[in-house]
């Protein structure tokens, strides 16, 4: 292997870790100061589905509801003729009448509309959804910690968890800073990001372990750098093909999955970066050594060294 052609990722790990630290701090500060712009799924409210006889103008619907003092969001649901309206809870308003009032308001502009359904999500249900979602995320991280510890070594599992927390925190932080509505579809995207990022990290860790055993004379930095370069093509191809699908969903998938696609796009980009810099760099910062991974040598048995690619 010609090492001159390799990118020196490990040599850039300190600036990368500083960048990651700044992004994580900004995300934490925003979450404490601004919080998340939680959708009706979490806060409670009224969901109204209305059918039109022709493609509906959701911007016009939003303007009508805003002028009527409703804190509402409208989006296409399934087809361009179906509209889903979410209205946040309002003090002093009878929740049982909101659906009829909104329908009557919109019917003035188009008498041909149909009221498909009206559902009310109570604050208690929203709290349960939020708590269950958080619990699912914590259980996923705990399962990953156990799995990576058993498959590799404890410090590898810590590195994987650091990368996952990095990805989730920055992704959620971006939603906090931009004030994009955070609903159940975005929570589902966060859980999917955990799986995607872990898959990339495991691929790199597998190669790191192999090179620790093969490159007996190489330093830890050289072994990790070689591993990242060897898996780089696979990482880039996987990320680009995934992003192509997500971008198509973002632009053509409709408003109903707009937030999901956006969260996944952010997560894939950050996850690819963390697999290269955060997870592998964490191993070096924690001082993972070859001795921790090498099988015990049998007494009196000659060990054949594999040629060091760095010599």
C-alpha atoms as a PDB file:
ATOM      1  CA  UNK A   1       0.000   0.000   0.000  1.00  0.00           C
ATOM      2  CA  UNK A   2       1.295   3.424  -0.925  1.00  0.00           C
ATOM      3  CA  UNK A   3       0.681   5.469   2.189  1.00  0.00           C
ATOM      4  CA  UNK A   4       1.453   8.734   0.347  1.00  0.00           C
ATOM      5  CA  UNK A   5      -1.920   8.392  -1.361  1.00  0.00           C
ATOM      6  CA  UNK A   6      -3.796   8.101   1.917  1.00  0.00           C
ATOM      7  CA  UNK A   7      -5.592  11.007   3.580  1.00  0.00           C
ATOM      8  CA  UNK A   8      -4.187  11.761   7.025  1.00  0.00           C
ATOM      9  CA  UNK A   9      -7.488  11.719   8.930  1.00  0.00           C
ATOM     10  CA  UNK A  10      -5.892  11.061  12.306  1.00  0.00           C
ATOM     11  CA  UNK A  11      -3.633  14.073  11.861  1.00  0.00           C
ATOM     12  CA  UNK A  12      -6.756  16.265  11.663  1.00  0.00           C
ATOM     13  CA  UNK A  13      -8.533  14.686  14.611  1.00  0.00           C
ATOM     14  CA  UNK A  14      -7.862  17.509  17.096  1.00  0.00           C
ATOM     15  CA  UNK A  15      -9.380  20.308  14.957  1.00  0.00           C
ATOM     16  CA  UNK A  16     -12.273  17.959  14.130  1.00  0.00           C
ATOM     17  CA  UNK A  17     -12.900  17.246  17.818  1.00  0.00           C
ATOM     18  CA  UNK A  18     -12.824  20.982  18.578  1.00  0.00           C
ATOM     19  CA  UNK A  19     -15.417  21.567  15.836  1.00  0.00           C
ATOM     20  CA  UNK A  20     -17.586  18.751  17.186  1.00  0.00           C
ATOM     21  CA  UNK A  21     -17.294  20.126  20.711  1.00  0.00           C
ATOM     22  CA  UNK A  22     -18.394  23.602  19.594  1.00  0.00           C
ATOM     23  CA  UNK A  23     -21.381  22.187  17.688  1.00  0.00           C
ATOM     24  CA  UNK A  24     -22.423  20.086  20.687  1.00  0.00           C
ATOM     25  CA  UNK A  25     -22.123  23.051  23.060  1.00  0.00           C
ATOM     26  CA  UNK A  26     -24.207  25.219  20.702  1.00  0.00           C
ATOM     27  CA  UNK A  27     -26.842  22.464  20.543  1.00  0.00           C
ATOM     28  CA  UNK A  28     -26.989  22.075  24.332  1.00  0.00           C
ATOM     29  CA  UNK A  29     -27.263  25.841  24.873  1.00  0.00           C
ATOM     30  CA  UNK A  30     -30.056  26.112  22.292  1.00  0.00           C
ATOM     31  CA  UNK A  31     -31.944  23.182  23.826  1.00  0.00           C
ATOM     32  CA  UNK A  32     -31.771  24.779  27.280  1.00  0.00           C
ATOM     33  CA  UNK A  33     -32.607  28.302  26.070  1.00  0.00           C
ATOM     34  CA  UNK A  34     -35.037  27.674  23.196  1.00  0.00           C
ATOM     35  CA  UNK A  35     -36.087  24.068  23.694  1.00  0.00           C
ATOM     36  CA  UNK A  36     -37.782  22.276  20.806  1.00  0.00           C
ATOM     37  CA  UNK A  37     -40.720  23.506  18.769  1.00  0.00           C
ATOM     38  CA  UNK A  38     -42.839  20.467  19.636  1.00  0.00           C
ATOM     39  CA  UNK A  39     -45.653  19.518  17.307  1.00  0.00           C
ATOM     40  CA  UNK A  40     -49.208  18.521  18.160  1.00  0.00           C
ATOM     41  CA  UNK A  41     -48.064  14.913  18.630  1.00  0.00           C
ATOM     42  CA  UNK A  42     -46.268  15.982  21.813  1.00  0.00           C
ATOM     43  CA  UNK A  43     -48.124  19.082  22.989  1.00  0.00           C
ATOM     44  CA  UNK A  44     -51.649  17.900  22.306  1.00  0.00           C
ATOM     45  CA  UNK A  45     -54.183  19.632  20.063  1.00  0.00           C
ATOM     46  CA  UNK A  46     -56.678  18.984  17.287  1.00  0.00           C
ATOM     47  CA  UNK A  47     -56.039  17.159  14.003  1.00  0.00           C
ATOM     48  CA  UNK A  48     -58.503  17.832  11.163  1.00  0.00           C
ATOM     49  CA  UNK A  49     -58.501  16.083   7.764  1.00  0.00           C
ATOM     50  CA  UNK A  50     -60.360  17.827   4.937  1.00  0.00           C
ATOM     51  CA  UNK A  51     -60.935  16.644   1.357  1.00  0.00           C
ATOM     52  CA  UNK A  52     -61.070  19.089  -1.570  1.00  0.00           C
ATOM     53  CA  UNK A  53     -62.561  18.613  -5.041  1.00  0.00           C
ATOM     54  CA  UNK A  54     -59.355  19.960  -6.605  1.00  0.00           C
ATOM     55  CA  UNK A  55     -55.717  20.443  -5.516  1.00  0.00           C
ATOM     56  CA  UNK A  56     -55.738  22.560  -2.368  1.00  0.00           C
ATOM     57  CA  UNK A  57     -53.614  25.650  -1.776  1.00  0.00           C
ATOM     58  CA  UNK A  58     -52.156  24.951   1.686  1.00  0.00           C
ATOM     59  CA  UNK A  59     -50.567  28.408   1.890  1.00  0.00           C
ATOM     60  CA  UNK A  60     -53.978  30.020   1.454  1.00  0.00           C
ATOM     61  CA  UNK A  61     -55.436  27.680   4.097  1.00  0.00           C
ATOM     62  CA  UNK A  62     -52.681  28.623   6.547  1.00  0.00           C
ATOM     63  CA  UNK A  63     -53.325  32.326   5.952  1.00  0.00           C
ATOM     64  CA  UNK A  64     -57.064  31.914   6.539  1.00  0.00           C
ATOM     65  CA  UNK A  65     -56.486  30.082   9.822  1.00  0.00           C
ATOM     66  CA  UNK A  66     -53.819  32.567  10.949  1.00  0.00           C
ATOM     67  CA  UNK A  67     -56.164  35.493  10.304  1.00  0.00           C
ATOM     68  CA  UNK A  68     -58.776  33.685  12.409  1.00  0.00           C
ATOM     69  CA  UNK A  69     -56.241  33.559  15.286  1.00  0.00           C
ATOM     70  CA  UNK A  70     -55.664  29.796  15.120  1.00  0.00           C
ATOM     71  CA  UNK A  71     -52.175  28.465  15.862  1.00  0.00           C
ATOM     72  CA  UNK A  72     -52.352  25.990  13.008  1.00  0.00           C
ATOM     73  CA  UNK A  73     -50.212  24.061  10.528  1.00  0.00           C
ATOM     74  CA  UNK A  74     -51.595  22.728   7.231  1.00  0.00           C
ATOM     75  CA  UNK A  75     -50.071  20.223   4.832  1.00  0.00           C
ATOM     76  CA  UNK A  76     -51.040  17.868   2.022  1.00  0.00           C
ATOM     77  CA  UNK A  77     -51.912  14.410   3.258  1.00  0.00           C
ATOM     78  CA  UNK A  78     -51.633  11.565   0.756  1.00  0.00           C
ATOM     79  CA  UNK A  79     -52.761  13.546  -2.318  1.00  0.00           C
ATOM     80  CA  UNK A  80     -52.869  17.204  -3.326  1.00  0.00           C
ATOM     81  CA  UNK A  81     -56.641  17.163  -2.704  1.00  0.00           C
ATOM     82  CA  UNK A  82     -56.355  16.040   0.926  1.00  0.00           C
ATOM     83  CA  UNK A  83     -55.256  18.465   3.625  1.00  0.00           C
ATOM     84  CA  UNK A  84     -54.232  17.712   7.206  1.00  0.00           C
ATOM     85  CA  UNK A  85     -54.597  20.598   9.662  1.00  0.00           C
ATOM     86  CA  UNK A  86     -53.007  20.553  13.110  1.00  0.00           C
ATOM     87  CA  UNK A  87     -54.184  23.110  15.656  1.00  0.00           C
ATOM     88  CA  UNK A  88     -52.335  23.638  18.922  1.00  0.00           C
ATOM     89  CA  UNK A  89     -54.296  23.854  22.205  1.00  0.00           C
ATOM     90  CA  UNK A  90     -55.715  27.302  22.909  1.00  0.00           C
ATOM     91  CA  UNK A  91     -56.921  28.668  26.230  1.00  0.00           C
ATOM     92  CA  UNK A  92     -60.619  29.497  26.420  1.00  0.00           C
ATOM     93  CA  UNK A  93     -61.503  27.531  23.285  1.00  0.00           C
ATOM     94  CA  UNK A  94     -63.855  24.546  23.421  1.00  0.00           C
ATOM     95  CA  UNK A  95     -61.822  21.728  21.853  1.00  0.00           C
ATOM     96  CA  UNK A  96     -65.004  19.850  20.872  1.00  0.00           C
ATOM     97  CA  UNK A  97     -66.053  22.728  18.595  1.00  0.00           C
ATOM     98  CA  UNK A  98     -62.704  23.516  16.932  1.00  0.00           C
ATOM     99  CA  UNK A  99     -63.184  20.992  14.131  1.00  0.00           C
ATOM    100  CA  UNK A 100     -66.621  22.317  13.182  1.00  0.00           C
ATOM    101  CA  UNK A 101     -65.471  25.936  13.422  1.00  0.00           C
ATOM    102  CA  UNK A 102     -62.442  25.364  11.166  1.00  0.00           C
ATOM    103  CA  UNK A 103     -64.529  23.388   8.674  1.00  0.00           C
ATOM    104  CA  UNK A 104     -67.158  26.144   8.547  1.00  0.00           C
ATOM    105  CA  UNK A 105     -64.440  28.772   8.071  1.00  0.00           C
ATOM    106  CA  UNK A 106     -62.851  26.931   5.144  1.00  0.00           C
ATOM    107  CA  UNK A 107     -66.217  26.043   3.621  1.00  0.00           C
ATOM    108  CA  UNK A 108     -66.855  29.747   3.068  1.00  0.00           C
ATOM    109  CA  UNK A 109     -64.016  29.800   0.537  1.00  0.00           C
ATOM    110  CA  UNK A 110     -64.868  26.415  -1.042  1.00  0.00           C
ATOM    111  CA  UNK A 111     -68.332  24.892  -0.489  1.00  0.00           C
ATOM    112  CA  UNK A 112     -67.261  21.566  -2.058  1.00  0.00           C
ATOM    113  CA  UNK A 113     -64.930  20.452   0.751  1.00  0.00           C
ATOM    114  CA  UNK A 114     -65.578  17.377   2.927  1.00  0.00           C
ATOM    115  CA  UNK A 115     -64.757  16.900   6.591  1.00  0.00           C
ATOM    116  CA  UNK A 116     -63.017  13.504   6.775  1.00  0.00           C
ATOM    117  CA  UNK A 117     -62.089  13.284  10.451  1.00  0.00           C
ATOM    118  CA  UNK A 118     -61.451  15.302  13.604  1.00  0.00           C
ATOM    119  CA  UNK A 119     -59.174  13.953  16.340  1.00  0.00           C
ATOM    120  CA  UNK A 120     -58.039  15.485  19.589  1.00  0.00           C
ATOM    121  CA  UNK A 121     -54.655  14.585  21.076  1.00  0.00           C
ATOM    122  CA  UNK A 122     -54.638  15.402  24.778  1.00  0.00           C
ATOM    123  CA  UNK A 123     -51.582  16.816  26.557  1.00  0.00           C
ATOM    124  CA  UNK A 124     -51.312  13.622  28.627  1.00  0.00           C
ATOM    125  CA  UNK A 125     -51.027  11.506  25.478  1.00  0.00           C
ATOM    126  CA  UNK A 126     -48.428  13.932  24.147  1.00  0.00           C
ATOM    127  CA  UNK A 127     -46.418  13.563  27.353  1.00  0.00           C
ATOM    128  CA  UNK A 128     -46.590   9.768  27.083  1.00  0.00           C
ATOM    129  CA  UNK A 129     -45.408   9.861  23.468  1.00  0.00           C
ATOM    130  CA  UNK A 130     -42.486  12.108  24.418  1.00  0.00           C
ATOM    131  CA  UNK A 131     -41.498   9.933  27.374  1.00  0.00           C
ATOM    132  CA  UNK A 132     -41.837   6.684  25.421  1.00  0.00           C
ATOM    133  CA  UNK A 133     -39.756   8.120  22.585  1.00  0.00           C
ATOM    134  CA  UNK A 134     -37.006   9.174  24.988  1.00  0.00           C
ATOM    135  CA  UNK A 135     -37.096   5.754  26.662  1.00  0.00           C
ATOM    136  CA  UNK A 136     -36.789   4.024  23.277  1.00  0.00           C
ATOM    137  CA  UNK A 137     -33.719   6.113  22.472  1.00  0.00           C
ATOM    138  CA  UNK A 138     -32.044   5.337  25.821  1.00  0.00           C
ATOM    139  CA  UNK A 139     -32.769   1.603  25.465  1.00  0.00           C
ATOM    140  CA  UNK A 140     -31.309   1.657  21.950  1.00  0.00           C
ATOM    141  CA  UNK A 141     -28.101   3.274  23.240  1.00  0.00           C
ATOM    142  CA  UNK A 142     -27.876   0.770  26.114  1.00  0.00           C
ATOM    143  CA  UNK A 143     -28.304  -2.164  23.724  1.00  0.00           C
ATOM    144  CA  UNK A 144     -25.626  -0.759  21.430  1.00  0.00           C
ATOM    145  CA  UNK A 145     -23.239  -0.343  24.385  1.00  0.00           C
ATOM    146  CA  UNK A 146     -23.667  -4.025  25.331  1.00  0.00           C
ATOM    147  CA  UNK A 147     -23.411  -5.263  21.737  1.00  0.00           C
ATOM    148  CA  UNK A 148     -20.229  -3.355  20.859  1.00  0.00           C
ATOM    149  CA  UNK A 149     -18.618  -4.306  24.190  1.00  0.00           C
ATOM    150  CA  UNK A 150     -19.207  -8.005  23.518  1.00  0.00           C
ATOM    151  CA  UNK A 151     -18.115  -7.823  19.886  1.00  0.00           C
ATOM    152  CA  UNK A 152     -15.052  -5.614  20.276  1.00  0.00           C
ATOM    153  CA  UNK A 153     -13.814  -4.174  23.552  1.00  0.00           C
ATOM    154  CA  UNK A 154     -15.269  -1.793  26.145  1.00  0.00           C
ATOM    155  CA  UNK A 155     -13.405   1.253  24.844  1.00  0.00           C
ATOM    156  CA  UNK A 156     -14.775   0.566  21.366  1.00  0.00           C
ATOM    157  CA  UNK A 157     -18.306   0.636  22.796  1.00  0.00           C
ATOM    158  CA  UNK A 158     -17.600   3.962  24.521  1.00  0.00           C
ATOM    159  CA  UNK A 159     -16.311   5.371  21.219  1.00  0.00           C
ATOM    160  CA  UNK A 160     -19.457   4.184  19.417  1.00  0.00           C
ATOM    161  CA  UNK A 161     -21.737   5.739  22.056  1.00  0.00           C
ATOM    162  CA  UNK A 162     -19.798   9.031  21.923  1.00  0.00           C
ATOM    163  CA  UNK A 163     -20.320   9.128  18.140  1.00  0.00           C
ATOM    164  CA  UNK A 164     -24.045   8.350  18.465  1.00  0.00           C
ATOM    165  CA  UNK A 165     -24.621  10.968  21.177  1.00  0.00           C
ATOM    166  CA  UNK A 166     -22.685  13.423  18.986  1.00  0.00           C
ATOM    167  CA  UNK A 167     -24.947  12.702  15.986  1.00  0.00           C
ATOM    168  CA  UNK A 168     -28.243  12.811  17.896  1.00  0.00           C
ATOM    169  CA  UNK A 169     -27.366  15.915  19.917  1.00  0.00           C
ATOM    170  CA  UNK A 170     -26.262  17.981  16.910  1.00  0.00           C
ATOM    171  CA  UNK A 171     -29.252  16.864  14.807  1.00  0.00           C
ATOM    172  CA  UNK A 172     -31.718  17.753  17.568  1.00  0.00           C
ATOM    173  CA  UNK A 173     -29.788  20.969  18.200  1.00  0.00           C
ATOM    174  CA  UNK A 174     -30.247  22.045  14.581  1.00  0.00           C
ATOM    175  CA  UNK A 175     -34.019  21.609  14.962  1.00  0.00           C
ATOM    176  CA  UNK A 176     -33.875  23.650  18.170  1.00  0.00           C
ATOM    177  CA  UNK A 177     -31.899  26.474  16.537  1.00  0.00           C
ATOM    178  CA  UNK A 178     -34.010  26.615  13.351  1.00  0.00           C
ATOM    179  CA  UNK A 179     -37.324  26.189  15.259  1.00  0.00           C
ATOM    180  CA  UNK A 180     -38.541  23.568  12.778  1.00  0.00           C
ATOM    181  CA  UNK A 181     -41.486  21.668  14.249  1.00  0.00           C
ATOM    182  CA  UNK A 182     -40.378  18.489  16.043  1.00  0.00           C
ATOM    183  CA  UNK A 183     -42.950  15.699  15.766  1.00  0.00           C
ATOM    184  CA  UNK A 184     -43.120  11.903  15.851  1.00  0.00           C
ATOM    185  CA  UNK A 185     -41.788  11.517  12.295  1.00  0.00           C
ATOM    186  CA  UNK A 186     -38.635  13.399  13.277  1.00  0.00           C
ATOM    187  CA  UNK A 187     -38.274  11.290  16.424  1.00  0.00           C
ATOM    188  CA  UNK A 188     -38.487   8.216  14.181  1.00  0.00           C
ATOM    189  CA  UNK A 189     -35.763   9.749  11.999  1.00  0.00           C
ATOM    190  CA  UNK A 190     -33.542  10.231  15.077  1.00  0.00           C
ATOM    191  CA  UNK A 191     -33.856   6.521  15.914  1.00  0.00           C
ATOM    192  CA  UNK A 192     -33.061   5.650  12.284  1.00  0.00           C
ATOM    193  CA  UNK A 193     -29.997   7.918  12.426  1.00  0.00           C
ATOM    194  CA  UNK A 194     -28.735   5.926  15.419  1.00  0.00           C
ATOM    195  CA  UNK A 195     -28.902   2.722  13.377  1.00  0.00           C
ATOM    196  CA  UNK A 196     -27.331   4.272  10.283  1.00  0.00           C
ATOM    197  CA  UNK A 197     -24.456   5.876  12.163  1.00  0.00           C
ATOM    198  CA  UNK A 198     -23.776   2.706  14.148  1.00  0.00           C
ATOM    199  CA  UNK A 199     -23.568   0.663  10.941  1.00  0.00           C
ATOM    200  CA  UNK A 200     -20.895   3.001   9.538  1.00  0.00           C
ATOM    201  CA  UNK A 201     -18.998   2.965  12.829  1.00  0.00           C
ATOM    202  CA  UNK A 202     -19.040  -0.849  13.074  1.00  0.00           C
ATOM    203  CA  UNK A 203     -17.582  -1.145   9.557  1.00  0.00           C
ATOM    204  CA  UNK A 204     -14.687   1.147  10.502  1.00  0.00           C
ATOM    205  CA  UNK A 205     -14.185  -0.603  13.864  1.00  0.00           C
ATOM    206  CA  UNK A 206     -14.031  -4.016  12.162  1.00  0.00           C
ATOM    207  CA  UNK A 207     -11.228  -2.791   9.921  1.00  0.00           C
ATOM    208  CA  UNK A 208      -9.457  -1.116  12.852  1.00  0.00           C
ATOM    209  CA  UNK A 209      -9.441  -4.405  14.741  1.00  0.00           C
ATOM    210  CA  UNK A 210      -8.144  -6.293  11.704  1.00  0.00           C
ATOM    211  CA  UNK A 211      -5.321  -3.810  11.145  1.00  0.00           C
ATOM    212  CA  UNK A 212      -4.348  -3.799  14.817  1.00  0.00           C
ATOM    213  CA  UNK A 213      -3.750  -7.540  14.416  1.00  0.00           C
ATOM    214  CA  UNK A 214      -2.075  -7.332  10.994  1.00  0.00           C
ATOM    215  CA  UNK A 215       0.098  -4.229  11.212  1.00  0.00           C
ATOM    216  CA  UNK A 216       2.218  -5.331  14.156  1.00  0.00           C
ATOM    217  CA  UNK A 217       4.836  -2.577  13.696  1.00  0.00           C
ATOM    218  CA  UNK A 218       2.438   0.256  12.948  1.00  0.00           C
ATOM    219  CA  UNK A 219       1.471   2.784  15.612  1.00  0.00           C
ATOM    220  CA  UNK A 220      -2.135   3.111  16.773  1.00  0.00           C
ATOM    221  CA  UNK A 221      -2.533   6.294  14.714  1.00  0.00           C
ATOM    222  CA  UNK A 222      -1.246   4.562  11.585  1.00  0.00           C
ATOM    223  CA  UNK A 223      -3.527   1.549  12.083  1.00  0.00           C
ATOM    224  CA  UNK A 224      -6.608   3.726  12.579  1.00  0.00           C
ATOM    225  CA  UNK A 225      -5.719   5.986   9.645  1.00  0.00           C
ATOM    226  CA  UNK A 226      -5.196   2.989   7.362  1.00  0.00           C
ATOM    227  CA  UNK A 227      -8.559   1.563   8.435  1.00  0.00           C
ATOM    228  CA  UNK A 228     -10.448   4.787   7.713  1.00  0.00           C
ATOM    229  CA  UNK A 229      -8.855   5.090   4.264  1.00  0.00           C
ATOM    230  CA  UNK A 230      -9.614   1.460   3.424  1.00  0.00           C
ATOM    231  CA  UNK A 231     -13.309   1.921   4.252  1.00  0.00           C
ATOM    232  CA  UNK A 232     -13.588   5.456   2.854  1.00  0.00           C
ATOM    233  CA  UNK A 233     -14.863   4.445  -0.590  1.00  0.00           C
ATOM    234  CA  UNK A 234     -17.573   2.265   0.951  1.00  0.00           C
ATOM    235  CA  UNK A 235     -18.566   5.058   3.361  1.00  0.00           C
ATOM    236  CA  UNK A 236     -18.833   7.681   0.609  1.00  0.00           C
ATOM    237  CA  UNK A 237     -20.810   5.444  -1.768  1.00  0.00           C
ATOM    238  CA  UNK A 238     -23.254   4.411   0.983  1.00  0.00           C
ATOM    239  CA  UNK A 239     -23.755   7.993   2.148  1.00  0.00           C
ATOM    240  CA  UNK A 240     -24.220   9.423  -1.355  1.00  0.00           C
ATOM    241  CA  UNK A 241     -26.757   6.798  -2.439  1.00  0.00           C
ATOM    242  CA  UNK A 242     -28.686   7.272   0.804  1.00  0.00           C
ATOM    243  CA  UNK A 243     -28.634  11.057   0.383  1.00  0.00           C
ATOM    244  CA  UNK A 244     -29.946  10.791  -3.194  1.00  0.00           C
ATOM    245  CA  UNK A 245     -33.008   8.910  -1.942  1.00  0.00           C
ATOM    246  CA  UNK A 246     -33.531  11.301   0.972  1.00  0.00           C
ATOM    247  CA  UNK A 247     -33.218  14.405  -1.210  1.00  0.00           C
ATOM    248  CA  UNK A 248     -35.807  12.938  -3.583  1.00  0.00           C
ATOM    249  CA  UNK A 249     -38.128  12.315  -0.625  1.00  0.00           C
ATOM    250  CA  UNK A 250     -37.504  15.827   0.685  1.00  0.00           C
ATOM    251  CA  UNK A 251     -38.496  17.523  -2.576  1.00  0.00           C
ATOM    252  CA  UNK A 252     -41.082  15.102  -4.000  1.00  0.00           C
ATOM    253  CA  UNK A 253     -42.329  13.051  -1.037  1.00  0.00           C
ATOM    254  CA  UNK A 254     -44.875  15.580   0.158  1.00  0.00           C
ATOM    255  CA  UNK A 255     -45.200  17.679   3.277  1.00  0.00           C
ATOM    256  CA  UNK A 256     -46.102  14.717   5.472  1.00  0.00           C
ATOM    257  CA  UNK A 257     -42.528  13.303   5.389  1.00  0.00           C
ATOM    258  CA  UNK A 258     -40.700  16.584   4.817  1.00  0.00           C
ATOM    259  CA  UNK A 259     -39.434  16.732   8.413  1.00  0.00           C
ATOM    260  CA  UNK A 260     -38.408  13.065   8.413  1.00  0.00           C
ATOM    261  CA  UNK A 261     -36.382  13.458   5.208  1.00  0.00           C
ATOM    262  CA  UNK A 262     -34.721  16.639   6.479  1.00  0.00           C
ATOM    263  CA  UNK A 263     -33.732  15.015   9.786  1.00  0.00           C
ATOM    264  CA  UNK A 264     -32.310  12.007   7.945  1.00  0.00           C
ATOM    265  CA  UNK A 265     -30.303  14.203   5.541  1.00  0.00           C
ATOM    266  CA  UNK A 266     -28.754  16.044   8.484  1.00  0.00           C
ATOM    267  CA  UNK A 267     -28.155  12.771  10.337  1.00  0.00           C
ATOM    268  CA  UNK A 268     -26.488  11.015   7.389  1.00  0.00           C
ATOM    269  CA  UNK A 269     -24.072  13.910   6.825  1.00  0.00           C
ATOM    270  CA  UNK A 270     -23.190  14.176  10.521  1.00  0.00           C
ATOM    271  CA  UNK A 271     -23.079  10.393  10.917  1.00  0.00           C
ATOM    272  CA  UNK A 272     -20.614  10.029   8.043  1.00  0.00           C
ATOM    273  CA  UNK A 273     -18.416  12.716   9.571  1.00  0.00           C
ATOM    274  CA  UNK A 274     -18.572  11.137  13.044  1.00  0.00           C
ATOM    275  CA  UNK A 275     -17.666   7.661  11.737  1.00  0.00           C
ATOM    276  CA  UNK A 276     -14.499   9.096  10.208  1.00  0.00           C
ATOM    277  CA  UNK A 277     -13.458  11.523  12.933  1.00  0.00           C
ATOM    278  CA  UNK A 278     -15.375  11.131  16.197  1.00  0.00           C
ATOM    279  CA  UNK A 279     -15.649   7.358  16.705  1.00  0.00           C
ATOM    280  CA  UNK A 280     -12.134   6.481  15.540  1.00  0.00           C
ATOM    281  CA  UNK A 281     -10.531   9.504  17.200  1.00  0.00           C
ATOM    282  CA  UNK A 282     -12.210   8.513  20.473  1.00  0.00           C
ATOM    283  CA  UNK A 283     -10.280   5.234  20.369  1.00  0.00           C
ATOM    284  CA  UNK A 284      -6.990   7.109  20.176  1.00  0.00           C
ATOM    285  CA  UNK A 285      -7.941   9.542  22.944  1.00  0.00           C
ATOM    286  CA  UNK A 286      -8.875   6.606  25.197  1.00  0.00           C
ATOM    287  CA  UNK A 287      -5.582   4.878  24.444  1.00  0.00           C
ATOM    288  CA  UNK A 288      -6.807   1.666  22.832  1.00  0.00           C
ATOM    289  CA  UNK A 289      -3.755  -0.558  22.381  1.00  0.00           C
ATOM    290  CA  UNK A 290      -2.918  -3.534  20.233  1.00  0.00           C
ATOM    291  CA  UNK A 291      -2.331  -5.637  23.344  1.00  0.00           C
ATOM    292  CA  UNK A 292      -6.003  -5.317  24.295  1.00  0.00           C
ATOM    293  CA  UNK A 293      -7.041  -6.945  21.007  1.00  0.00           C
ATOM    294  CA  UNK A 294      -4.221  -9.392  20.289  1.00  0.00           C
ATOM    295  CA  UNK A 295      -4.954 -13.048  21.076  1.00  0.00           C
ATOM    296  CA  UNK A 296      -2.658 -14.480  23.749  1.00  0.00           C
ATOM    297  CA  UNK A 297       0.551 -15.960  22.305  1.00  0.00           C
ATOM    298  CA  UNK A 298       1.200 -19.626  22.973  1.00  0.00           C
ATOM    299  CA  UNK A 299       4.416 -20.438  24.741  1.00  0.00           C
ATOM    300  CA  UNK A 300       7.210 -21.492  22.447  1.00  0.00           C
ATOM    301  CA  UNK A 301       5.240 -20.767  19.279  1.00  0.00           C
ATOM    302  CA  UNK A 302       6.865 -18.503  16.714  1.00  0.00           C
ATOM    303  CA  UNK A 303       4.649 -15.632  15.712  1.00  0.00           C
ATOM    304  CA  UNK A 304       4.836 -14.648  12.078  1.00  0.00           C
ATOM    305  CA  UNK A 305       4.596 -10.898  11.565  1.00  0.00           C
ATOM    306  CA  UNK A 306       2.713  -9.546   8.636  1.00  0.00           C
ATOM    307  CA  UNK A 307       4.730  -7.061   6.617  1.00  0.00           C
ATOM    308  CA  UNK A 308       4.196  -3.542   7.906  1.00  0.00           C
ATOM    309  CA  UNK A 309       2.779  -1.324   5.175  1.00  0.00           C
ATOM    310  CA  UNK A 310       4.374   1.690   6.816  1.00  0.00           C
ATOM    311  CA  UNK A 311       7.937   0.348   6.578  1.00  0.00           C
END
